[in-house]
Amino acid sequence: AVNAVGGAQAVAAMAYGTASIPAVDVIAGPGNVYVALAKREVAGHVGVPSAFAGPSEVVVVADSTVPTAFAAIDIVVQAEHGPGGLAWLITWDEEVSDAIEAEVDRIVAAAPRRDDITATLDDAGWSVLVDGPDEALAVADAIAPEHLQLMVADAGDLSERVRNAGAVFCGPWTPASLGDYVAGPSHVLPTAGTARFAGALTLADFTRDIHLITADRSALLRLAPHVVALAGAEGLDAHAESVRLRVVEAEGSGDG
């Protein structure tokens, strides 16, 4: 069924059910900070992927090889989603920083969604000057952003050293907008630092593993001493006894 609902109230409806919306087992997908926090509230009652898919984030790492306009517009792209996210520029070239900041100001002044962009940049828009690529990666890894754009000469090499990011976009011809719409990989990405331990939404978030275990007599006899020893070390006598009973039966039956 498709229900035309949204917001935190939709999360509650899907988690607990209503007269018209049946309760579900898994709630997945991105949303604003209210949706993301609502999903966190119902996690455990229903399945919620570990990634906090909240307000949009971007960290742009840029050097002097990237066109200023490319880096500036890509900062604005994520900021236009509205407040709650973040938009950072990291560079080791002060002239690059100054030029991109000036271009961002020019773009924002003419942007139709100027208020949303300004709210994001005022709250969490930063330009960070670092010593070089190594420190740039260290800062980016500490943030663990949803989108990490490596707009540098050696983007491919640098990408192999990234530890924490939802998605990495390499080079000046790979804007995050490609990932937003057409690139192919899942674009429900971790935000709020959860890229430290979670990845993009995948089919695995909608499946479960059920383990099936079968032992015959010979397997039981071979494994029983280990179970008895481990259960005894933990003081779990019934665990050990459940195996010992079967050992006695198996040895007494004379087969297997």
C-alpha atoms as a PDB file:
ATOM      1  CA  ALA A   1       0.000   0.000   0.000  1.00  0.00           C
ATOM      2  CA  VAL A   2       1.075   3.582  -0.609  1.00  0.00           C
ATOM      3  CA  ASN A   3       0.067   6.162   1.992  1.00  0.00           C
ATOM      4  CA  ALA A   4       0.464   9.879   1.319  1.00  0.00           C
ATOM      5  CA  VAL A   5       1.887  10.779   4.709  1.00  0.00           C
ATOM      6  CA  GLY A   6       5.124  12.306   5.914  1.00  0.00           C
ATOM      7  CA  GLY A   7       6.948  13.732   8.877  1.00  0.00           C
ATOM      8  CA  ALA A   8       7.452  12.422  12.396  1.00  0.00           C
ATOM      9  CA  GLN A   9       3.749  11.588  12.613  1.00  0.00           C
ATOM     10  CA  ALA A  10       4.121   9.202   9.667  1.00  0.00           C
ATOM     11  CA  VAL A  11       6.937   7.408  11.469  1.00  0.00           C
ATOM     12  CA  ALA A  12       4.691   6.960  14.516  1.00  0.00           C
ATOM     13  CA  ALA A  13       1.814   5.729  12.360  1.00  0.00           C
ATOM     14  CA  MET A  14       3.978   3.141  10.631  1.00  0.00           C
ATOM     15  CA  ALA A  15       5.610   1.993  13.864  1.00  0.00           C
ATOM     16  CA  TYR A  16       2.434   1.545  15.913  1.00  0.00           C
ATOM     17  CA  GLY A  17      -0.307   1.380  13.290  1.00  0.00           C
ATOM     18  CA  THR A  18      -3.513   3.388  12.924  1.00  0.00           C
ATOM     19  CA  ALA A  19      -7.036   2.663  11.749  1.00  0.00           C
ATOM     20  CA  SER A  20      -5.900   3.126   8.147  1.00  0.00           C
ATOM     21  CA  ILE A  21      -2.158   2.396   8.235  1.00  0.00           C
ATOM     22  CA  PRO A  22      -0.983  -1.066   9.336  1.00  0.00           C
ATOM     23  CA  ALA A  23       2.075  -1.331  11.549  1.00  0.00           C
ATOM     24  CA  VAL A  24       5.278  -2.284   9.741  1.00  0.00           C
ATOM     25  CA  ASP A  25       8.428  -4.159  10.708  1.00  0.00           C
ATOM     26  CA  VAL A  26      11.057  -1.836   9.186  1.00  0.00           C
ATOM     27  CA  ILE A  27      11.140   1.930   8.656  1.00  0.00           C
ATOM     28  CA  ALA A  28      13.844   3.138   6.288  1.00  0.00           C
ATOM     29  CA  GLY A  29      14.656   6.212   4.253  1.00  0.00           C
ATOM     30  CA  PRO A  30      15.919   9.760   4.751  1.00  0.00           C
ATOM     31  CA  GLY A  31      14.171  12.768   6.225  1.00  0.00           C
ATOM     32  CA  ASN A  32      14.667  16.015   8.076  1.00  0.00           C
ATOM     33  CA  VAL A  33      15.878  16.121  11.656  1.00  0.00           C
ATOM     34  CA  TYR A  34      12.354  15.503  12.999  1.00  0.00           C
ATOM     35  CA  VAL A  35      11.908  12.366  10.908  1.00  0.00           C
ATOM     36  CA  ALA A  36      15.365  11.094  11.812  1.00  0.00           C
ATOM     37  CA  LEU A  37      14.776  11.623  15.535  1.00  0.00           C
ATOM     38  CA  ALA A  38      11.330  10.012  15.319  1.00  0.00           C
ATOM     39  CA  LYS A  39      12.909   6.924  13.755  1.00  0.00           C
ATOM     40  CA  ARG A  40      15.431   6.842  16.583  1.00  0.00           C
ATOM     41  CA  GLU A  41      12.564   6.925  19.099  1.00  0.00           C
ATOM     42  CA  VAL A  42      10.842   3.860  17.618  1.00  0.00           C
ATOM     43  CA  ALA A  43      14.034   1.879  16.952  1.00  0.00           C
ATOM     44  CA  GLY A  44      13.746  -1.443  18.734  1.00  0.00           C
ATOM     45  CA  HIS A  45       9.977  -1.509  18.433  1.00  0.00           C
ATOM     46  CA  VAL A  46      10.536  -1.713  14.681  1.00  0.00           C
ATOM     47  CA  GLY A  47      13.686  -2.187  12.670  1.00  0.00           C
ATOM     48  CA  VAL A  48      15.493   1.055  11.835  1.00  0.00           C
ATOM     49  CA  PRO A  49      18.796   1.009   9.918  1.00  0.00           C
ATOM     50  CA  SER A  50      21.709   2.191  12.052  1.00  0.00           C
ATOM     51  CA  ALA A  51      22.526   5.116   9.756  1.00  0.00           C
ATOM     52  CA  PHE A  52      21.005   8.420  10.920  1.00  0.00           C
ATOM     53  CA  ALA A  53      19.640   9.552   7.536  1.00  0.00           C
ATOM     54  CA  GLY A  54      18.931  13.142   8.461  1.00  0.00           C
ATOM     55  CA  PRO A  55      19.609  16.645   7.114  1.00  0.00           C
ATOM     56  CA  SER A  56      21.982  16.865   4.166  1.00  0.00           C
ATOM     57  CA  GLU A  57      25.745  17.292   4.620  1.00  0.00           C
ATOM     58  CA  VAL A  58      28.707  17.991   2.364  1.00  0.00           C
ATOM     59  CA  VAL A  59      32.427  18.384   2.897  1.00  0.00           C
ATOM     60  CA  VAL A  60      34.298  19.701  -0.138  1.00  0.00           C
ATOM     61  CA  VAL A  61      38.068  19.195  -0.176  1.00  0.00           C
ATOM     62  CA  ALA A  62      39.495  21.493  -2.856  1.00  0.00           C
ATOM     63  CA  ASP A  63      42.871  22.535  -4.211  1.00  0.00           C
ATOM     64  CA  SER A  64      43.969  25.070  -6.820  1.00  0.00           C
ATOM     65  CA  THR A  65      43.181  22.721  -9.726  1.00  0.00           C
ATOM     66  CA  VAL A  66      39.408  22.890  -9.286  1.00  0.00           C
ATOM     67  CA  PRO A  67      37.321  25.621 -10.933  1.00  0.00           C
ATOM     68  CA  THR A  68      36.143  27.944  -8.183  1.00  0.00           C
ATOM     69  CA  ALA A  69      32.563  27.883  -9.451  1.00  0.00           C
ATOM     70  CA  PHE A  70      32.426  24.069  -9.253  1.00  0.00           C
ATOM     71  CA  ALA A  71      33.398  23.948  -5.579  1.00  0.00           C
ATOM     72  CA  ALA A  72      31.168  26.875  -4.638  1.00  0.00           C
ATOM     73  CA  ILE A  73      28.007  25.560  -6.277  1.00  0.00           C
ATOM     74  CA  ASP A  74      28.524  22.109  -4.752  1.00  0.00           C
ATOM     75  CA  ILE A  75      28.645  23.648  -1.283  1.00  0.00           C
ATOM     76  CA  VAL A  76      25.396  25.477  -2.018  1.00  0.00           C
ATOM     77  CA  VAL A  77      23.756  22.330  -3.456  1.00  0.00           C
ATOM     78  CA  GLN A  78      23.544  20.594  -0.091  1.00  0.00           C
ATOM     79  CA  ALA A  79      22.879  23.789   1.855  1.00  0.00           C
ATOM     80  CA  GLU A  80      19.703  24.471  -0.143  1.00  0.00           C
ATOM     81  CA  HIS A  81      18.042  21.469   1.518  1.00  0.00           C
ATOM     82  CA  GLY A  82      17.607  23.733   4.525  1.00  0.00           C
ATOM     83  CA  PRO A  83      18.872  24.022   8.108  1.00  0.00           C
ATOM     84  CA  GLY A  84      20.093  21.165  10.243  1.00  0.00           C
ATOM     85  CA  GLY A  85      22.825  19.898   7.949  1.00  0.00           C
ATOM     86  CA  LEU A  86      26.325  21.164   7.277  1.00  0.00           C
ATOM     87  CA  ALA A  87      28.465  22.465   4.429  1.00  0.00           C
ATOM     88  CA  TRP A  88      32.242  22.621   4.884  1.00  0.00           C
ATOM     89  CA  LEU A  89      35.121  23.615   2.649  1.00  0.00           C
ATOM     90  CA  ILE A  90      38.549  22.188   3.469  1.00  0.00           C
ATOM     91  CA  THR A  91      41.642  23.401   1.633  1.00  0.00           C
ATOM     92  CA  TRP A  92      45.343  24.023   2.188  1.00  0.00           C
ATOM     93  CA  ASP A  93      45.410  27.045  -0.123  1.00  0.00           C
ATOM     94  CA  GLU A  94      44.257  30.359   1.339  1.00  0.00           C
ATOM     95  CA  GLU A  95      43.679  31.885  -2.096  1.00  0.00           C
ATOM     96  CA  VAL A  96      41.422  28.959  -2.987  1.00  0.00           C
ATOM     97  CA  SER A  97      39.494  29.437   0.245  1.00  0.00           C
ATOM     98  CA  ASP A  98      38.983  33.166  -0.358  1.00  0.00           C
ATOM     99  CA  ALA A  99      37.915  32.660  -3.973  1.00  0.00           C
ATOM    100  CA  ILE A 100      35.406  29.910  -3.177  1.00  0.00           C
ATOM    101  CA  GLU A 101      33.915  31.847  -0.265  1.00  0.00           C
ATOM    102  CA  ALA A 102      33.414  34.882  -2.502  1.00  0.00           C
ATOM    103  CA  GLU A 103      31.770  32.737  -5.174  1.00  0.00           C
ATOM    104  CA  VAL A 104      29.467  31.126  -2.599  1.00  0.00           C
ATOM    105  CA  ASP A 105      28.347  34.609  -1.499  1.00  0.00           C
ATOM    106  CA  ARG A 106      27.632  35.553  -5.125  1.00  0.00           C
ATOM    107  CA  ILE A 107      25.609  32.376  -5.751  1.00  0.00           C
ATOM    108  CA  VAL A 108      23.613  32.686  -2.540  1.00  0.00           C
ATOM    109  CA  ALA A 109      22.668  36.294  -3.261  1.00  0.00           C
ATOM    110  CA  ALA A 110      20.891  35.225  -6.451  1.00  0.00           C
ATOM    111  CA  ALA A 111      19.561  31.840  -5.294  1.00  0.00           C
ATOM    112  CA  PRO A 112      15.779  31.206  -5.232  1.00  0.00           C
ATOM    113  CA  ARG A 113      16.221  29.231  -1.992  1.00  0.00           C
ATOM    114  CA  ARG A 114      18.422  31.883  -0.445  1.00  0.00           C
ATOM    115  CA  ASP A 115      16.792  31.681   2.989  1.00  0.00           C
ATOM    116  CA  ASP A 116      17.320  27.912   3.299  1.00  0.00           C
ATOM    117  CA  ILE A 117      20.912  28.159   2.079  1.00  0.00           C
ATOM    118  CA  THR A 118      21.731  31.034   4.406  1.00  0.00           C
ATOM    119  CA  ALA A 119      20.213  29.224   7.393  1.00  0.00           C
ATOM    120  CA  THR A 120      22.441  26.202   6.780  1.00  0.00           C
ATOM    121  CA  LEU A 121      25.597  28.215   6.148  1.00  0.00           C
ATOM    122  CA  ASP A 122      25.020  30.465   9.161  1.00  0.00           C
ATOM    123  CA  ASP A 123      24.548  27.465  11.428  1.00  0.00           C
ATOM    124  CA  ALA A 124      27.096  24.984  10.035  1.00  0.00           C
ATOM    125  CA  GLY A 125      28.966  26.477   7.110  1.00  0.00           C
ATOM    126  CA  TRP A 126      32.716  26.495   7.611  1.00  0.00           C
ATOM    127  CA  SER A 127      35.866  27.101   5.611  1.00  0.00           C
ATOM    128  CA  VAL A 128      38.812  25.282   7.172  1.00  0.00           C
ATOM    129  CA  LEU A 129      42.441  25.928   6.240  1.00  0.00           C
ATOM    130  CA  VAL A 130      44.694  22.911   6.840  1.00  0.00           C
ATOM    131  CA  ASP A 131      48.361  22.078   6.302  1.00  0.00           C
ATOM    132  CA  GLY A 132      47.816  19.652   3.420  1.00  0.00           C
ATOM    133  CA  PRO A 133      45.930  16.605   2.118  1.00  0.00           C
ATOM    134  CA  ASP A 134      46.723  14.449   5.163  1.00  0.00           C
ATOM    135  CA  GLU A 135      45.192  16.926   7.585  1.00  0.00           C
ATOM    136  CA  ALA A 136      42.267  17.504   5.223  1.00  0.00           C
ATOM    137  CA  LEU A 137      41.457  13.784   5.344  1.00  0.00           C
ATOM    138  CA  ALA A 138      41.816  13.733   9.123  1.00  0.00           C
ATOM    139  CA  VAL A 139      39.277  16.551   9.458  1.00  0.00           C
ATOM    140  CA  ALA A 140      36.902  14.923   6.970  1.00  0.00           C
ATOM    141  CA  ASP A 141      37.130  11.570   8.757  1.00  0.00           C
ATOM    142  CA  ALA A 142      36.346  13.254  12.075  1.00  0.00           C
ATOM    143  CA  ILE A 143      33.205  14.786  10.566  1.00  0.00           C
ATOM    144  CA  ALA A 144      32.192  11.550   8.770  1.00  0.00           C
ATOM    145  CA  PRO A 145      30.008  13.464   6.305  1.00  0.00           C
ATOM    146  CA  GLU A 146      27.145  12.219   4.196  1.00  0.00           C
ATOM    147  CA  HIS A 147      28.788  13.541   1.009  1.00  0.00           C
ATOM    148  CA  LEU A 148      32.560  13.949   0.679  1.00  0.00           C
ATOM    149  CA  GLN A 149      33.729  15.639  -2.517  1.00  0.00           C
ATOM    150  CA  LEU A 150      37.424  15.322  -3.319  1.00  0.00           C
ATOM    151  CA  MET A 151      37.972  18.124  -5.800  1.00  0.00           C
ATOM    152  CA  VAL A 152      41.737  17.763  -5.971  1.00  0.00           C
ATOM    153  CA  ALA A 153      44.356  16.663  -8.481  1.00  0.00           C
ATOM    154  CA  ASP A 154      44.911  13.246  -6.875  1.00  0.00           C
ATOM    155  CA  ALA A 155      41.288  12.507  -5.955  1.00  0.00           C
ATOM    156  CA  GLY A 156      41.515   8.816  -6.825  1.00  0.00           C
ATOM    157  CA  ASP A 157      44.524   8.200  -4.602  1.00  0.00           C
ATOM    158  CA  LEU A 158      43.063  10.288  -1.798  1.00  0.00           C
ATOM    159  CA  SER A 159      39.749   8.417  -1.939  1.00  0.00           C
ATOM    160  CA  GLU A 160      41.462   5.149  -1.049  1.00  0.00           C
ATOM    161  CA  ARG A 161      42.443   6.632   2.310  1.00  0.00           C
ATOM    162  CA  VAL A 162      38.973   7.833   3.319  1.00  0.00           C
ATOM    163  CA  ARG A 163      37.681   6.004   6.388  1.00  0.00           C
ATOM    164  CA  ASN A 164      34.396   7.730   7.234  1.00  0.00           C
ATOM    165  CA  ALA A 165      31.913   9.017   4.653  1.00  0.00           C
ATOM    166  CA  GLY A 166      28.525   8.078   3.278  1.00  0.00           C
ATOM    167  CA  ALA A 167      29.593   8.575  -0.342  1.00  0.00           C
ATOM    168  CA  VAL A 168      32.790   9.914  -1.909  1.00  0.00           C
ATOM    169  CA  PHE A 169      32.732  11.897  -5.156  1.00  0.00           C
ATOM    170  CA  CYS A 170      36.078  12.014  -6.945  1.00  0.00           C
ATOM    171  CA  GLY A 171      37.248  14.846  -9.139  1.00  0.00           C
ATOM    172  CA  PRO A 172      35.755  18.050 -10.558  1.00  0.00           C
ATOM    173  CA  TRP A 173      33.376  16.238 -12.934  1.00  0.00           C
ATOM    174  CA  THR A 174      31.609  14.261 -10.198  1.00  0.00           C
ATOM    175  CA  PRO A 175      29.204  16.543  -8.333  1.00  0.00           C
ATOM    176  CA  ALA A 176      27.103  15.099  -5.537  1.00  0.00           C
ATOM    177  CA  SER A 177      24.036  15.872  -7.665  1.00  0.00           C
ATOM    178  CA  LEU A 178      24.957  12.861  -9.815  1.00  0.00           C
ATOM    179  CA  GLY A 179      24.669  10.667  -6.738  1.00  0.00           C
ATOM    180  CA  ASP A 180      21.454  12.386  -5.678  1.00  0.00           C
ATOM    181  CA  TYR A 181      19.669  11.426  -8.865  1.00  0.00           C
ATOM    182  CA  VAL A 182      21.286   9.131 -11.420  1.00  0.00           C
ATOM    183  CA  ALA A 183      24.700   7.668 -10.528  1.00  0.00           C
ATOM    184  CA  GLY A 184      23.281   4.353  -9.347  1.00  0.00           C
ATOM    185  CA  PRO A 185      24.407   3.521  -5.792  1.00  0.00           C
ATOM    186  CA  SER A 186      21.963   3.931  -2.920  1.00  0.00           C
ATOM    187  CA  HIS A 187      21.732   7.541  -1.898  1.00  0.00           C
ATOM    188  CA  VAL A 188      20.082   7.038   1.472  1.00  0.00           C
ATOM    189  CA  LEU A 189      23.285   7.883   3.301  1.00  0.00           C
ATOM    190  CA  PRO A 190      24.415   8.182   6.925  1.00  0.00           C
ATOM    191  CA  THR A 191      24.508  11.661   8.463  1.00  0.00           C
ATOM    192  CA  ALA A 192      25.309  13.197  11.862  1.00  0.00           C
ATOM    193  CA  GLY A 193      28.580  11.286  12.139  1.00  0.00           C
ATOM    194  CA  THR A 194      26.995   7.847  11.780  1.00  0.00           C
ATOM    195  CA  ALA A 195      29.207   7.110   8.760  1.00  0.00           C
ATOM    196  CA  ARG A 196      31.748   6.098  11.420  1.00  0.00           C
ATOM    197  CA  PHE A 197      29.832   2.832  11.853  1.00  0.00           C
ATOM    198  CA  ALA A 198      27.092   2.702   9.210  1.00  0.00           C
ATOM    199  CA  GLY A 199      26.838   2.791   5.438  1.00  0.00           C
ATOM    200  CA  ALA A 200      24.237   3.523   2.791  1.00  0.00           C
ATOM    201  CA  LEU A 201      20.842   1.844   2.838  1.00  0.00           C
ATOM    202  CA  THR A 202      20.979  -1.477   0.971  1.00  0.00           C
ATOM    203  CA  LEU A 203      18.849  -4.569   0.421  1.00  0.00           C
ATOM    204  CA  ALA A 204      20.474  -6.033   3.528  1.00  0.00           C
ATOM    205  CA  ASP A 205      18.472  -3.560   5.635  1.00  0.00           C
ATOM    206  CA  PHE A 206      15.282  -5.332   4.518  1.00  0.00           C
ATOM    207  CA  THR A 207      16.447  -8.904   5.086  1.00  0.00           C
ATOM    208  CA  ARG A 208      17.223 -11.111   8.088  1.00  0.00           C
ATOM    209  CA  ASP A 209      19.492 -14.087   8.595  1.00  0.00           C
ATOM    210  CA  ILE A 210      17.890 -17.121  10.260  1.00  0.00           C
ATOM    211  CA  HIS A 211      20.499 -19.708  11.212  1.00  0.00           C
ATOM    212  CA  LEU A 212      19.600 -23.383  10.760  1.00  0.00           C
ATOM    213  CA  ILE A 213      21.617 -25.902  12.787  1.00  0.00           C
ATOM    214  CA  THR A 214      21.443 -29.694  12.567  1.00  0.00           C
ATOM    215  CA  ALA A 215      23.744 -32.227  14.283  1.00  0.00           C
ATOM    216  CA  ASP A 216      23.775 -36.023  14.073  1.00  0.00           C
ATOM    217  CA  ARG A 217      25.016 -38.375  16.810  1.00  0.00           C
ATOM    218  CA  SER A 218      28.629 -38.308  15.690  1.00  0.00           C
ATOM    219  CA  ALA A 219      28.669 -34.507  15.563  1.00  0.00           C
ATOM    220  CA  LEU A 220      27.168 -34.302  19.041  1.00  0.00           C
ATOM    221  CA  LEU A 221      29.743 -36.738  20.474  1.00  0.00           C
ATOM    222  CA  ARG A 222      32.587 -34.805  18.869  1.00  0.00           C
ATOM    223  CA  LEU A 223      31.424 -31.393  20.102  1.00  0.00           C
ATOM    224  CA  ALA A 224      30.012 -32.367  23.496  1.00  0.00           C
ATOM    225  CA  PRO A 225      33.269 -32.117  25.521  1.00  0.00           C
ATOM    226  CA  HIS A 226      33.766 -28.531  24.345  1.00  0.00           C
ATOM    227  CA  VAL A 227      30.217 -27.544  25.254  1.00  0.00           C
ATOM    228  CA  VAL A 228      30.507 -29.158  28.696  1.00  0.00           C
ATOM    229  CA  ALA A 229      33.814 -27.384  29.362  1.00  0.00           C
ATOM    230  CA  LEU A 230      32.569 -23.962  28.280  1.00  0.00           C
ATOM    231  CA  ALA A 231      29.243 -24.282  30.092  1.00  0.00           C
ATOM    232  CA  GLY A 232      31.049 -25.444  33.230  1.00  0.00           C
ATOM    233  CA  ALA A 233      33.368 -22.423  33.095  1.00  0.00           C
ATOM    234  CA  GLU A 234      30.320 -20.163  33.009  1.00  0.00           C
ATOM    235  CA  GLY A 235      28.514 -22.067  35.766  1.00  0.00           C
ATOM    236  CA  LEU A 236      25.626 -22.963  33.452  1.00  0.00           C
ATOM    237  CA  ASP A 237      24.980 -26.525  34.577  1.00  0.00           C
ATOM    238  CA  ALA A 238      21.764 -27.033  32.601  1.00  0.00           C
ATOM    239  CA  HIS A 239      23.589 -26.150  29.378  1.00  0.00           C
ATOM    240  CA  ALA A 240      26.156 -28.845  30.094  1.00  0.00           C
ATOM    241  CA  GLU A 241      23.534 -31.364  31.202  1.00  0.00           C
ATOM    242  CA  SER A 242      21.516 -30.992  27.981  1.00  0.00           C
ATOM    243  CA  VAL A 243      24.581 -32.278  26.123  1.00  0.00           C
ATOM    244  CA  ARG A 244      25.558 -34.939  28.679  1.00  0.00           C
ATOM    245  CA  LEU A 245      22.086 -36.503  28.526  1.00  0.00           C
ATOM    246  CA  ARG A 246      22.418 -36.916  24.788  1.00  0.00           C
ATOM    247  CA  VAL A 247      25.946 -38.310  25.063  1.00  0.00           C
ATOM    248  CA  VAL A 248      24.706 -41.022  27.437  1.00  0.00           C
ATOM    249  CA  GLU A 249      21.839 -41.857  25.086  1.00  0.00           C
ATOM    250  CA  ALA A 250      24.067 -41.865  21.999  1.00  0.00           C
ATOM    251  CA  GLU A 251      26.729 -44.090  23.595  1.00  0.00           C
ATOM    252  CA  GLY A 252      24.103 -46.448  25.008  1.00  0.00           C
ATOM    253  CA  SER A 253      22.333 -46.872  21.684  1.00  0.00           C
ATOM    254  CA  GLY A 254      25.497 -48.335  20.162  1.00  0.00           C
ATOM    255  CA  ASP A 255      25.024 -46.809  16.694  1.00  0.00           C
ATOM    256  CA  GLY A 256      26.373 -43.605  15.166  1.00  0.00           C
END
